[in-house]
Protein backbone atom coordinates (compact mmCIF):
# COMPACT_ATOMS: atom_id res chain seq x y z
CA MET A 1 15.55 18.02 20.00
CA LYS A 2 17.59 17.44 16.90
CA LYS A 3 18.84 13.89 16.57
CA SER A 4 21.69 12.63 14.45
CA PHE A 5 22.47 9.10 13.42
CA PHE A 6 25.64 8.25 11.55
CA ILE A 7 25.99 5.16 9.43
CA CYS A 8 29.11 4.07 7.63
CA PHE A 9 28.73 3.72 3.92
CA ILE A 10 30.84 2.71 0.90
CA LEU A 11 31.42 5.40 -1.68
CA ALA A 12 29.91 4.29 -4.99
CA LEU A 13 30.42 5.49 -8.54
CA SER A 14 28.05 8.22 -9.72
CA LEU A 15 25.42 6.86 -12.05
CA ASN A 16 23.21 8.76 -14.43
CA SER A 17 19.44 8.48 -14.56
CA MET A 18 18.30 6.01 -17.15
CA SER A 19 15.08 4.77 -18.68
CA GLN A 20 13.08 2.12 -16.94
CA THR A 21 11.92 -1.34 -18.02
CA PHE A 22 9.46 -3.80 -16.51
CA THR A 23 9.01 -7.54 -17.03
CA LYS A 24 5.48 -8.91 -17.08
CA ILE A 25 5.09 -11.89 -14.74
CA THR A 26 3.23 -14.67 -16.55
CA THR A 27 3.35 -17.55 -14.05
CA GLY A 28 2.30 -17.98 -10.45
CA PRO A 29 -0.94 -17.60 -8.50
CA VAL A 30 -1.14 -13.78 -8.70
CA VAL A 31 -1.53 -13.80 -12.49
CA SER A 32 -3.46 -17.04 -12.87
CA THR A 33 -6.31 -16.71 -10.38
CA PRO A 34 -9.49 -15.63 -12.20
CA GLY A 35 -11.52 -12.89 -10.61
CA ASP A 36 -13.49 -9.69 -11.09
CA SER A 37 -10.79 -7.85 -9.20
CA ARG A 38 -11.04 -4.36 -7.74
CA SER A 39 -8.58 -3.41 -5.00
CA VAL A 40 -4.80 -3.92 -4.88
CA ASN A 41 -3.00 -3.58 -1.54
CA TRP A 42 0.74 -4.19 -0.91
CA ILE A 43 1.03 -4.87 2.84
CA ASP A 44 3.49 -6.79 5.02
CA MET A 45 0.88 -9.02 6.68
CA ASN A 46 3.21 -11.07 8.92
CA ASN A 47 5.97 -8.56 9.74
CA ASP A 48 8.65 -10.49 7.90
CA GLY A 49 10.00 -7.52 5.93
CA LEU A 50 8.32 -8.68 2.71
CA VAL A 51 5.19 -7.06 1.26
CA ASP A 52 2.32 -9.45 0.64
CA LEU A 53 -0.51 -8.80 -1.82
CA PHE A 54 -4.26 -8.51 -1.18
CA ILE A 55 -6.68 -8.32 -4.11
CA SER A 56 -10.43 -7.89 -3.63
CA ASN A 57 -13.11 -9.24 -5.95
CA GLY A 58 -16.39 -7.51 -6.72
CA LYS A 59 -18.55 -9.94 -8.64
CA ALA A 60 -22.24 -9.34 -8.00
CA GLY A 61 -22.92 -12.92 -7.01
CA GLY A 62 -20.10 -12.94 -4.51
CA GLN A 63 -16.53 -14.06 -4.90
CA ASN A 64 -13.76 -14.70 -2.40
CA ASN A 65 -11.04 -12.12 -2.01
CA MET A 66 -7.42 -13.22 -2.44
CA LEU A 67 -4.32 -12.97 -0.27
CA TYR A 68 -0.92 -13.88 -1.68
CA MET A 69 1.87 -14.43 0.84
CA ASN A 70 5.34 -13.38 -0.27
CA LEU A 71 7.84 -16.25 -0.01
CA GLY A 72 10.90 -14.03 -0.39
CA ASN A 73 12.18 -15.69 -3.55
CA GLY A 74 10.10 -13.73 -6.05
CA SER A 75 7.10 -16.05 -5.71
CA PHE A 76 3.83 -16.09 -3.77
CA LEU A 77 1.53 -18.58 -2.06
CA ALA A 78 -2.23 -18.10 -2.28
CA ARG A 79 -3.79 -18.27 1.20
CA THR A 80 -6.83 -20.49 1.62
CA GLY A 81 -9.12 -21.14 4.55
CA ASP A 82 -8.52 -17.85 6.38
CA PRO A 83 -11.60 -15.66 7.00
CA ILE A 84 -10.09 -12.82 4.94
CA VAL A 85 -10.29 -15.03 1.81
CA SER A 86 -13.56 -16.80 2.67
CA ASP A 87 -15.94 -13.87 2.47
CA ASN A 88 -17.93 -14.71 -0.70
CA LYS A 89 -19.04 -11.07 -0.93
CA PRO A 90 -19.02 -8.53 -3.81
CA SER A 91 -16.04 -6.57 -2.49
CA ASP A 92 -14.63 -3.35 -3.89
CA GLY A 93 -12.14 -1.25 -1.93
CA ALA A 94 -9.83 -2.31 0.87
CA THR A 95 -7.59 -0.43 3.28
CA PHE A 96 -4.95 -1.74 5.70
CA ALA A 97 -3.49 -0.15 8.83
CA ASP A 98 -2.81 -1.09 12.44
CA SER A 99 -6.26 -0.14 13.74
CA ASP A 100 -5.65 -1.56 17.25
CA ASN A 101 -2.00 -0.46 17.58
CA ASP A 102 -0.72 -3.95 18.34
CA GLY A 103 2.02 -3.93 15.70
CA ASP A 104 0.38 -5.53 12.66
CA ALA A 105 -1.77 -4.51 9.71
CA ASP A 106 -5.52 -4.98 10.11
CA SER A 107 -7.98 -4.89 7.21
CA TYR A 108 -11.21 -3.18 6.25
CA VAL A 109 -12.98 -4.32 3.06
CA VAL A 110 -16.05 -2.59 1.63
CA ASN A 111 -18.83 -4.35 -0.29
CA TRP A 112 -21.37 -3.25 -2.89
CA TYR A 113 -24.83 -4.63 -3.77
CA ASN A 114 -26.18 -3.77 -0.30
CA PHE A 115 -23.83 -6.06 1.65
CA ASP A 116 -22.28 -5.23 5.02
CA ASN A 117 -18.60 -4.33 5.05
CA LEU A 118 -15.88 -6.53 6.53
CA TYR A 119 -13.41 -5.80 9.34
CA TYR A 120 -10.54 -8.20 10.09
CA ILE A 121 -8.00 -8.17 12.93
CA ASN A 122 -4.51 -9.56 12.31
CA ASP A 123 -2.77 -11.68 14.98
CA GLY A 124 0.68 -10.64 13.76
CA ILE A 125 1.43 -13.69 11.61
CA ALA A 126 -1.30 -13.10 9.01
CA ASN A 127 -4.09 -15.04 10.69
CA PHE A 128 -7.20 -12.86 10.48
CA THR A 129 -10.30 -12.79 12.66
CA GLU A 130 -13.49 -11.17 11.40
CA ILE A 131 -14.91 -8.67 13.90
CA LEU A 132 -18.71 -8.57 14.04
CA GLY A 133 -21.15 -6.35 15.87
CA THR A 134 -19.14 -3.12 15.67
CA ALA A 135 -20.36 0.05 13.98
CA VAL A 136 -18.02 -0.13 10.99
CA VAL A 137 -19.55 -3.38 9.71
CA ASN A 138 -23.24 -2.62 10.26
CA THR A 139 -23.37 -0.63 7.04
CA ASN A 140 -25.72 -2.58 4.77
CA GLY A 141 -24.99 -0.40 1.76
CA TYR A 142 -23.19 0.28 -1.48
CA CYS A 143 -19.67 1.20 -0.44
CA GLU A 144 -16.91 1.52 -3.01
CA THR A 145 -13.74 2.61 -1.18
CA ALA A 146 -12.50 3.34 2.33
CA SER A 147 -9.41 4.69 4.03
CA TRP A 148 -7.87 4.76 7.51
CA GLY A 149 -6.68 8.15 8.79
CA ASP A 150 -6.22 9.65 12.26
CA TYR A 151 -8.18 12.89 11.84
CA ASP A 152 -8.04 13.95 15.52
CA ASN A 153 -4.39 12.98 16.15
CA ASP A 154 -5.22 10.78 19.13
CA GLY A 155 -2.94 7.93 18.01
CA LEU A 156 -5.74 5.72 16.65
CA VAL A 157 -6.65 5.52 12.95
CA ASP A 158 -10.24 6.47 12.16
CA LEU A 159 -12.18 5.33 9.10
CA TYR A 160 -13.97 7.01 6.20
CA THR A 161 -16.11 5.08 3.70
CA THR A 162 -17.59 6.20 0.39
CA ARG A 163 -20.96 5.19 -1.07
CA SER A 164 -21.97 5.15 -4.71
CA GLY A 165 -25.38 3.48 -4.72
CA GLY A 166 -28.65 3.05 -2.89
CA SER A 167 -31.39 5.60 -2.34
CA ALA A 168 -30.82 9.34 -2.43
CA SER A 169 -31.61 9.68 1.27
CA THR A 170 -28.94 7.18 2.30
CA ASP A 171 -26.37 7.81 -0.43
CA ARG A 172 -23.94 9.48 1.94
CA ASN A 173 -20.45 8.73 3.09
CA ARG A 174 -19.62 7.74 6.65
CA LEU A 175 -16.97 8.65 9.19
CA TYR A 176 -16.15 6.43 12.16
CA HIS A 177 -14.10 7.51 15.16
CA ASN A 178 -11.80 4.84 16.55
CA ASP A 179 -12.49 4.51 20.29
CA GLY A 180 -9.91 1.76 20.84
CA ASN A 181 -10.35 -1.96 21.49
CA ASN A 182 -11.97 -2.41 18.05
CA SER A 183 -14.84 -0.13 19.02
CA PHE A 184 -15.99 2.73 16.79
CA THR A 185 -18.49 5.57 17.00
CA GLU A 186 -20.20 6.78 13.84
CA ILE A 187 -19.98 10.56 13.37
CA THR A 188 -23.38 11.74 12.17
CA SER A 189 -22.94 15.52 11.89
CA GLY A 190 -20.83 17.68 9.61
CA SER A 191 -20.62 18.04 5.85
CA PRO A 192 -18.31 14.99 5.25
CA VAL A 193 -21.21 12.74 6.32
CA THR A 194 -24.25 14.80 5.34
CA ASP A 195 -23.34 15.83 1.78
CA LEU A 196 -25.11 13.63 -0.77
CA TYR A 197 -22.96 12.55 -3.72
CA THR A 198 -22.14 9.43 -5.69
CA SER A 199 -18.68 9.09 -4.17
CA ARG A 200 -16.06 6.90 -5.78
CA SER A 201 -12.85 7.49 -3.86
CA VAL A 202 -11.36 9.08 -0.75
CA ASN A 203 -7.92 10.30 0.37
CA TRP A 204 -6.77 11.46 3.79
CA THR A 205 -3.95 13.93 3.17
CA ASP A 206 -2.50 17.06 4.78
CA MET A 207 -3.19 19.47 1.91
CA ASP A 208 -2.24 22.66 3.78
CA SER A 209 0.75 21.25 5.72
CA ASP A 210 -0.69 22.27 9.10
CA GLY A 211 -0.13 18.89 10.77
CA ASP A 212 -3.56 17.31 10.50
CA LEU A 213 -5.23 15.20 7.83
CA ASP A 214 -7.70 16.87 5.50
CA LEU A 215 -10.20 14.93 3.43
CA PHE A 216 -10.59 14.79 -0.34
CA VAL A 217 -13.54 12.93 -1.87
CA SER A 218 -13.88 12.20 -5.59
CA ASN A 219 -17.48 12.09 -6.79
CA GLU A 220 -18.95 10.75 -9.99
CA GLY A 221 -21.03 13.44 -11.65
CA LEU A 222 -22.00 15.08 -14.92
CA THR A 223 -20.13 18.33 -14.24
CA ASP A 224 -16.58 19.38 -13.39
CA ASN A 225 -17.39 20.68 -9.92
CA ASP A 226 -18.26 17.57 -7.97
CA GLU A 227 -15.11 17.16 -5.85
CA ASN A 228 -15.15 17.78 -2.10
CA ILE A 229 -12.33 19.25 -0.01
CA TYR A 230 -12.95 19.16 3.73
CA ARG A 231 -10.42 21.22 5.70
CA ASN A 232 -9.57 19.72 9.06
CA ASP A 233 -9.17 22.12 11.97
CA SER A 234 -8.36 20.03 15.05
CA GLY A 235 -11.03 17.47 14.23
CA THR A 236 -13.64 19.89 12.87
CA PHE A 237 -14.25 19.90 9.12
CA THR A 238 -15.09 22.83 6.85
CA ARG A 239 -15.97 22.33 3.21
CA ILE A 240 -13.88 24.32 0.72
CA ASN A 241 -16.11 25.53 -2.15
CA THR A 242 -13.74 27.76 -4.10
CA GLY A 243 -10.80 27.05 -6.38
CA ALA A 244 -9.99 25.13 -9.54
CA LEU A 245 -9.64 21.76 -7.85
CA VAL A 246 -13.29 21.61 -6.77
CA ASN A 247 -14.76 23.53 -9.71
CA ASN A 248 -12.74 22.41 -12.73
CA GLY A 249 -11.55 18.90 -12.02
CA GLY A 250 -13.42 16.86 -14.64
CA LEU A 251 -15.64 13.80 -14.38
CA THR A 252 -13.52 12.35 -11.61
CA MET A 253 -13.27 8.77 -10.42
CA SER A 254 -10.32 9.13 -8.03
CA SER A 255 -7.36 11.20 -6.89
CA SER A 256 -3.72 10.37 -6.22
CA TRP A 257 -1.55 12.69 -4.12
CA GLY A 258 2.21 13.12 -4.38
CA ASP A 259 4.90 15.83 -4.51
CA TYR A 260 5.77 15.42 -8.20
CA ASP A 261 7.72 18.73 -8.42
CA ASN A 262 9.70 18.28 -5.15
CA ASP A 263 8.63 21.63 -3.74
CA GLY A 264 7.59 20.21 -0.38
CA ASP A 265 3.81 19.96 -0.67
CA LEU A 266 1.35 17.43 -2.06
CA ASP A 267 0.05 17.85 -5.59
CA VAL A 268 -2.85 15.83 -6.99
CA PHE A 269 -3.70 13.87 -10.14
CA LEU A 270 -7.38 13.27 -10.99
CA ALA A 271 -8.34 10.16 -12.96
CA ASN A 272 -11.38 11.12 -15.05
CA ASP A 273 -13.91 9.09 -16.99
CA GLN A 274 -14.67 10.40 -20.49
CA SER A 275 -13.02 13.73 -19.80
CA SER A 276 -9.36 14.70 -19.84
CA ASN A 277 -7.36 13.67 -16.79
CA ALA A 278 -6.19 16.55 -14.64
CA LEU A 279 -3.06 17.52 -12.71
CA PHE A 280 -3.10 20.24 -10.06
CA ARG A 281 -0.03 21.80 -8.49
CA ASN A 282 -0.37 22.72 -4.84
CA GLU A 283 0.26 26.45 -4.32
CA GLY A 284 -0.48 26.39 -0.58
CA ASN A 285 -3.48 27.32 1.57
CA PHE A 286 -5.86 25.11 -0.47
CA THR A 287 -4.97 26.86 -3.72
CA PHE A 288 -4.29 24.55 -6.64
CA LEU A 289 -3.11 25.47 -10.14
CA LYS A 290 -4.47 23.32 -12.97
CA ILE A 291 -1.68 22.19 -15.31
CA THR A 292 -2.52 22.35 -19.01
CA GLY A 293 -0.71 21.44 -22.20
CA ASP A 294 1.24 18.47 -20.79
CA THR A 295 0.91 14.93 -22.13
CA ILE A 296 -0.28 13.76 -18.71
CA THR A 297 -3.46 15.85 -19.09
CA ASN A 298 -4.02 15.48 -22.84
CA THR A 299 -5.95 12.22 -22.55
CA ASN A 300 -9.67 11.57 -22.74
CA ASP A 301 -10.43 7.99 -21.82
CA HIS A 302 -12.02 5.90 -19.08
CA SER A 303 -9.48 6.38 -16.28
CA PHE A 304 -10.26 5.04 -12.82
CA SER A 305 -7.17 4.72 -10.67
CA SER A 306 -3.57 5.94 -10.51
CA ALA A 307 -0.43 5.55 -8.42
CA TRP A 308 2.72 7.63 -7.93
CA SER A 309 6.15 6.02 -7.59
CA ASP A 310 9.72 6.89 -8.51
CA VAL A 311 10.04 3.79 -10.67
CA ASP A 312 13.44 4.70 -12.16
CA ASN A 313 14.88 5.98 -8.85
CA ASP A 314 16.01 9.27 -10.40
CA GLY A 315 14.60 11.47 -7.63
CA ASP A 316 11.12 12.37 -8.87
CA LEU A 317 7.70 10.72 -8.92
CA ASP A 318 6.39 8.92 -12.01
CA LEU A 319 2.75 7.97 -12.62
CA PHE A 320 0.68 4.96 -13.68
CA VAL A 321 -3.02 5.26 -14.64
CA THR A 322 -5.61 2.51 -15.17
CA ASN A 323 -8.46 2.61 -17.70
CA THR A 324 -11.66 0.57 -17.72
CA TYR A 325 -15.36 0.25 -18.45
CA ASN A 326 -15.60 0.80 -22.15
CA SER A 327 -18.24 -1.62 -23.40
CA ALA A 328 -16.76 -1.62 -26.89
CA LEU A 329 -13.05 -2.07 -26.27
CA LYS A 330 -10.54 -3.36 -23.79
CA GLN A 331 -8.44 -0.48 -22.55
CA LEU A 332 -4.73 0.30 -22.53
CA ASN A 333 -3.34 1.80 -19.34
CA PHE A 334 -1.08 4.89 -19.17
CA PHE A 335 2.52 5.10 -17.96
CA TYR A 336 4.30 8.44 -17.53
CA LEU A 337 7.93 9.19 -16.62
CA ASN A 338 8.66 12.46 -14.84
CA ASN A 339 11.16 14.61 -16.78
CA GLY A 340 12.23 16.40 -13.61
CA ASP A 341 11.17 19.84 -14.87
CA GLY A 342 7.47 19.58 -14.09
CA SER A 343 6.61 17.79 -17.36
CA PHE A 344 6.02 14.14 -18.19
CA GLU A 345 6.75 11.72 -21.03
CA ARG A 346 4.15 9.10 -21.92
CA ILE A 347 5.81 5.70 -22.41
CA GLY A 348 3.87 3.62 -24.89
CA SER A 349 6.29 0.74 -25.40
CA SER A 350 6.39 -0.56 -21.80
CA PRO A 351 4.37 -3.67 -20.85
CA LEU A 352 2.64 -1.34 -18.38
CA ALA A 353 1.08 0.44 -21.35
CA THR A 354 0.61 -2.35 -23.90
CA ASP A 355 -1.55 -4.86 -22.00
CA SER A 356 -5.24 -4.33 -22.73
CA SER A 357 -8.00 -5.14 -20.25
CA TRP A 358 -10.55 -3.46 -18.03
CA SER A 359 -8.32 -2.41 -15.13
CA TYR A 360 -9.41 -0.97 -11.80
CA GLY A 361 -7.09 -0.66 -8.80
CA CYS A 362 -3.31 -0.51 -8.95
CA ALA A 363 -0.48 -0.17 -6.46
CA PHE A 364 3.31 -0.10 -6.25
CA GLY A 365 5.35 -2.23 -3.86
CA ASP A 366 8.90 -3.63 -3.85
CA TYR A 367 8.01 -7.30 -3.44
CA ASP A 368 11.57 -8.66 -3.94
CA ASN A 369 13.30 -5.97 -1.87
CA ASP A 370 15.71 -4.98 -4.64
CA GLY A 371 15.12 -1.25 -4.12
CA PHE A 372 12.87 -0.79 -7.18
CA GLU A 373 9.09 -0.71 -6.85
CA ASP A 374 7.04 -3.28 -8.73
CA LEU A 375 3.41 -2.91 -9.88
CA ALA A 376 0.21 -4.94 -9.50
CA VAL A 377 -3.01 -4.15 -11.40
CA ALA A 378 -6.52 -5.50 -10.75
CA THR A 379 -8.47 -6.55 -13.85
CA VAL A 380 -12.03 -7.69 -14.43
CA ARG A 381 -12.61 -11.02 -16.19
CA PHE A 382 -15.95 -10.59 -17.87
CA ASN A 383 -15.38 -13.78 -19.81
CA ASN A 384 -12.78 -16.53 -19.95
CA THR A 385 -10.79 -14.76 -22.65
CA ASP A 386 -10.01 -11.73 -20.52
CA PRO A 387 -6.65 -11.72 -18.71
CA SER A 388 -6.22 -12.26 -15.00
CA ASP A 389 -4.61 -9.63 -12.78
CA PHE A 390 -1.34 -8.09 -13.94
CA LEU A 391 1.98 -8.23 -12.07
CA TYR A 392 5.02 -6.37 -13.38
CA HIS A 393 8.55 -6.72 -12.02
CA ASN A 394 10.67 -3.57 -12.09
CA ASP A 395 13.96 -4.52 -13.76
CA GLY A 396 15.90 -1.80 -11.97
CA ASN A 397 18.92 0.20 -13.04
CA GLY A 398 22.07 1.58 -11.44
CA ASN A 399 20.40 4.39 -9.50
CA HIS A 400 20.50 4.50 -5.71
CA TRP A 401 17.49 4.41 -3.39
CA SER A 402 16.28 4.29 0.20
CA THR A 403 13.24 2.57 1.72
CA ILE A 404 12.09 3.46 5.22
CA LYS A 405 9.46 1.89 7.46
CA LEU A 406 7.95 4.24 10.04
CA VAL A 407 6.60 2.97 13.38
CA GLY A 408 4.59 5.35 15.50
CA THR A 409 4.50 5.36 19.29
CA THR A 410 2.49 8.48 20.14
CA THR A 411 1.44 8.68 16.48
CA ASN A 412 -0.69 5.76 15.28
CA LYS A 413 1.44 2.63 14.93
CA SER A 414 1.26 2.53 11.09
CA ALA A 415 2.37 6.19 10.99
CA ILE A 416 -0.53 7.05 8.66
CA GLY A 417 -0.36 10.77 7.88
CA THR A 418 3.31 11.14 8.83
CA LYS A 419 5.53 13.05 6.38
CA ILE A 420 9.11 12.04 5.71
CA ARG A 421 11.49 14.31 3.84
CA MET A 422 14.85 13.31 2.39
CA LYS A 423 17.67 15.50 1.03
CA ALA A 424 20.48 14.26 -1.21
CA ILE A 425 22.75 15.66 -3.91
CA ILE A 426 21.43 14.24 -7.20
CA SER A 427 23.20 15.09 -10.47
CA GLY A 428 25.06 17.84 -8.64
CA ASN A 429 21.93 19.52 -7.23
CA PRO A 430 20.47 19.42 -3.70
CA VAL A 431 17.05 17.76 -3.91
CA TRP A 432 14.46 17.52 -1.15
CA GLN A 433 11.84 14.81 -1.64
CA MET A 434 8.73 14.21 0.46
CA ARG A 435 6.43 11.25 1.05
CA GLU A 436 3.27 10.99 3.15
CA ILE A 437 2.27 7.60 4.55
CA SER A 438 -1.24 6.74 3.36
CA ALA A 439 -3.70 3.88 3.72
CA GLN A 440 -5.22 4.62 0.28
CA SER A 441 -3.16 5.69 -2.72
CA SER A 442 -6.08 6.13 -5.14
CA TYR A 443 -9.23 4.30 -6.20
CA CYS A 444 -8.95 0.73 -4.86
CA GLY A 445 -5.20 0.93 -4.43
CA GLN A 446 -2.73 1.08 -1.56
CA ASN A 447 0.99 1.39 -2.12
CA ASP A 448 3.52 -0.22 0.18
CA LEU A 449 3.41 1.57 3.57
CA ARG A 450 7.19 1.82 3.49
CA ALA A 451 8.37 5.19 2.13
CA HIS A 452 10.46 4.69 -1.01
CA PHE A 453 12.86 7.31 -2.38
CA GLY A 454 14.88 7.26 -5.59
CA LEU A 455 18.31 8.88 -5.17
CA GLY A 456 19.88 8.84 -8.64
CA ASP A 457 23.67 9.14 -8.36
CA ALA A 458 23.65 10.24 -4.69
CA THR A 459 26.13 8.29 -2.59
CA VAL A 460 24.92 9.61 0.76
CA ILE A 461 21.61 10.86 2.18
CA ASP A 462 22.42 14.26 3.65
CA SER A 463 19.28 14.64 5.78
CA ILE A 464 16.12 12.81 6.75
CA LYS A 465 13.34 14.76 8.47
CA VAL A 466 10.33 12.93 9.93
CA GLU A 467 7.25 14.99 10.77
CA TRP A 468 5.18 12.66 12.93
CA LEU A 469 1.44 13.24 13.05
CA SER A 470 1.80 13.69 16.83
CA GLY A 471 3.80 16.89 16.18
CA THR A 472 7.19 15.38 16.99
CA ILE A 473 9.95 16.18 14.48
CA GLU A 474 13.12 14.08 14.18
CA TYR A 475 16.27 14.53 12.08
CA PHE A 476 18.89 12.08 10.88
CA THR A 477 22.01 12.91 8.89
CA ASN A 478 24.69 11.18 6.81
CA VAL A 479 22.75 8.01 6.09
CA ALA A 480 23.83 5.38 3.59
CA PRO A 481 21.65 4.73 0.50
CA ASP A 482 20.54 1.33 -0.86
CA GLU A 483 19.25 0.06 2.49
CA PHE A 484 15.99 -0.73 4.24
CA PHE A 485 15.64 1.16 7.51
CA THR A 486 13.09 1.44 10.29
CA ILE A 487 12.50 4.70 12.17
CA THR A 488 10.53 4.31 15.39
CA GLU A 489 9.07 7.51 16.83
CA GLY A 490 11.36 8.76 19.58
CA GLN A 491 13.69 5.75 19.35
CA GLY A 492 15.88 6.50 16.34
CA LEU A 493 16.83 4.64 13.17
CA THR A 494 17.72 0.95 12.88
CA GLY A 495 19.07 -1.12 9.98
CA MET A 496 17.62 -3.61 7.60
CA ASN A 497 14.49 -5.50 8.62
CA TYR A 498 15.07 -8.29 6.14
CA ILE A 499 17.43 -11.18 6.85
CA ASP A 500 19.66 -12.33 4.04
CA GLU A 501 18.62 -15.79 2.94
CA SER A 502 22.20 -17.02 3.35
CA ASN A 503 21.77 -16.73 7.13
CA LYS A 504 19.79 -19.94 7.46
CA PHE A 505 18.81 -22.40 10.14
CA LEU A 506 19.17 -26.11 9.36
CA LEU A 507 16.39 -28.67 8.81
CA TYR A 508 17.08 -32.41 8.96
CA PRO A 509 16.25 -34.90 7.83
CA ASN A 510 14.83 -33.15 4.77
CA PRO A 511 12.87 -34.81 3.19
CA THR A 512 11.43 -36.30 6.38
CA THR A 513 8.88 -39.01 7.07
CA GLY A 514 7.82 -37.69 10.46
CA ASN A 515 10.28 -36.32 13.02
CA LEU A 516 11.97 -33.01 12.20
CA LYS A 517 15.02 -31.45 13.84
CA ILE A 518 15.74 -27.72 13.50
CA ASP A 519 19.22 -26.40 14.31
CA PHE A 520 19.56 -22.68 15.20
CA SER A 521 23.14 -22.80 16.46
CA ASN A 522 24.48 -20.43 13.77
CA LEU A 523 21.87 -17.71 14.39
CA ALA A 524 22.65 -16.59 17.98
CA LEU A 525 18.98 -16.04 18.85
CA THR A 526 17.91 -13.20 21.16
CA GLY A 527 14.59 -11.54 21.95
CA GLU A 528 11.30 -12.91 20.58
CA ASN A 529 11.59 -15.51 17.83
CA HIS A 530 8.58 -17.09 16.12
CA LEU A 531 8.76 -20.40 14.30
CA THR A 532 6.01 -21.06 11.75
CA ILE A 533 5.24 -23.93 9.37
CA LEU A 534 3.01 -23.28 6.36
CA ASP A 535 1.59 -25.75 3.88
CA SER A 536 1.93 -25.34 0.11
CA GLU A 537 -1.21 -23.15 0.01
CA GLY A 538 0.12 -20.71 2.57
CA ASN A 539 -1.98 -21.93 5.51
CA ILE A 540 -0.28 -21.78 8.91
CA ILE A 541 -0.34 -25.26 10.42
CA TYR A 542 2.17 -24.84 13.27
CA THR A 543 3.53 -21.90 15.23
CA LYS A 544 5.76 -21.68 18.29
CA LEU A 545 7.34 -18.86 20.29
CA LEU A 546 10.97 -19.74 21.02
CA GLU A 547 11.84 -18.65 24.52
CA ASP A 548 14.81 -20.70 25.67
CA TYR A 549 17.05 -20.13 22.60
CA SER A 550 17.99 -23.78 22.46
CA SER A 551 20.28 -24.61 19.58
CA GLN A 552 17.97 -27.41 18.48
CA LEU A 553 14.23 -28.03 18.35
CA ASN A 554 12.52 -31.40 17.73
CA ILE A 555 9.04 -31.45 16.15
CA ASP A 556 6.81 -34.49 15.63
CA LEU A 557 5.01 -33.91 12.30
CA SER A 558 2.48 -36.66 12.84
CA PHE A 559 -0.11 -33.91 13.55
CA ILE A 560 -0.14 -33.15 9.81
CA ARG A 561 -3.08 -35.33 8.87
CA GLN A 562 -4.95 -33.54 6.16
CA LYS A 563 -1.89 -33.19 3.97
CA SER A 564 0.45 -35.87 5.13
CA THR A 565 2.90 -35.43 2.29
CA GLY A 566 4.13 -32.67 0.03
CA LEU A 567 5.91 -29.31 0.20
CA PHE A 568 5.94 -27.16 3.36
CA TYR A 569 7.66 -23.92 4.39
CA VAL A 570 9.40 -23.34 7.73
CA THR A 571 9.98 -19.68 8.68
CA LEU A 572 11.79 -18.02 11.58
CA SER A 573 10.85 -14.41 12.24
CA ASN A 574 12.15 -11.88 14.78
CA LYS A 575 12.70 -8.13 15.05
CA LYS A 576 15.37 -8.31 12.33
CA GLY A 577 13.12 -9.96 9.76
CA VAL A 578 12.53 -13.45 8.44
CA THR A 579 14.38 -16.40 7.02
CA MET A 580 12.72 -19.38 5.36
CA GLN A 581 13.47 -23.00 4.45
CA ARG A 582 11.56 -25.45 2.26
CA LEU A 583 10.59 -28.78 3.79
CA VAL A 584 9.47 -31.95 2.00
CA LYS A 585 7.44 -34.52 3.93
CA LEU A 586 7.31 -37.99 2.45
């Protein structure tokens, strides 16, 4: 049934597309924590409407991974003490999705050097519990990346892992079926798990637009024909052996899928090591046309990862590419703006393209909720002179945008594999854009799970079409731009999930020596409300479910023993989002 949802909007002045600038962030824990970093994942860990940042570390001797909690003011707190940052393992890839369908993002982290992988369950407020004894962690191998994807459309995300080391007899990838309740069954038959390759990266994506997730695996090799396409037919996989994409791709490290030409299907960029990068346009039915002669393919470097995003919000996808592993030189990364006609312009003056390092994973996410996607890049510190990880703030422009969170009900809760299409009149032309929700954007990278669309000068979104992985299709019309929305499968569209910081509760006395009073009288609380207190390192030291909606709450802070004084953060979260106050204890 067709659904319509009307939202009032204010007519804005038409604005032309303009070039895009970024500011390199030089202070704060994200860019000052040393590490041999690999994976970058933008994920809202505590359901507060703000994307947090996970970065894995792959040092051979073991090194803790890092989780940075978003404080909502453009800054982050580094979490300490939680199992997810106490691993001391040589970690590479990571992937986040709601694996148990309880409404929060769980984590799977893969390790190299013959270490078991790591599986963590989220309690909803970013406290993680490591799950032991299940099939997905008894790997004891050399895994490099992994990705969640519901290949049989049963509403639970399954898991695929890649391997790039070990003996020839065991150097195979693995597929795990999610049985529910954090139980998994390893699938041991079929070409996705019996083919022997040195696999670097994996993407679940619906290549043929038939409503189920196909599998693309990038393999390191000495020839151009080492990529694997596995067509999914209702949970049964068939390897595709013909076509340019699997026979003329290059020496590929990873792939990144996105509809760069706005024709309604997913195209693919291949990041290649010591061979020219490659771009393939999807022609349908697993036929891909290799693009030649464009600046985006006229490079021969040491590319590893990439990420699509409409960084200038002009209505088409732009591209960022990382480079690494040249023993002689630190590498510059690549930044390309989409010209809107199927071609790209390489931007060499942006900070995104002038910082040199050995970069691995990258991912886009709008960490300050200003409607423009920011960028984080993982770097390897081989000595103390090498830079730490990169964080770039998108400076924005006058173009319009829309960001939508999808919540599955029959489809898996994270809506992995769901397609969302958006139509708007941009520069006088009707433009349909498409995004597919993915738990792995490229090699060791995961973009924000929220679907972000640039809208240029459009002052209204004409149509939104959501193609849920369950087969359900929903439509919404006449939607206002420049907002954050949530679409829940079968339940319609709701407004912003982020509370304006001006809508605050009151703390007093502040600073306090012990007793704290919290006044909620101006918030008119309804539904479930969670109060949380964090210390200056992001550790949760107090949490309470508010059930009686009293206008005032009294808390005795004498329980804070280990850090009796200093800066704390008090947050109130509910279905609308989060609001936060700083607290000083003397």
